[in-house]
Amino acid sequence: GFAQRSWTTAPRLFASRATPLVDWARRATQPGDLLATDDDALIHLYSGRKTIPVATFTPQEYLHGQSYDFATEQLEVLLRDFRPRYVLCGSPHCAVAASKLQKREPPLLRLVTPLERGVVYESVRTGSLPGRP
């Protein structure tokens, strides 16, 4: 582990995943925009934008891998309760969940742009979201 500097593996992975999302956030969002993302801490730190995580960490998820259906349900709740303007996905779970919500009728998200690593969606704010007046 020492010879291969294995302690740097996770930070390098997260940084390479978050870099295109940070660049996009800095370039395309306003300081007051709320962003929901996998890499909320990194994106907040390097873009200065307000962020919230798209993933939840429940005891159940430590015992069983998160399903795409669960990720979709959680993202829908997050959109309803916190109303982020953008969803920045760097992980497959976020991307699949966002894609499902884009295909809903009516859609909850619209595709903004795919990135080198990741994809960006914008919340569709026509009327109220399900479960919210």
Foldseek 3Di string as FASTA:
>chain_A
DVVVPVVCVVVVVLCVLCVFVLVCCQVPHDQAFEEEECPQVVSCVRRVHHYDYLDDDDPVCVVPPDDLVNSLVSNLVCCQPVVGFKYKYQDPSSVSSQVVQCPDVVHQWDWDAQDPGTGMIGGDPDDHRPPHD
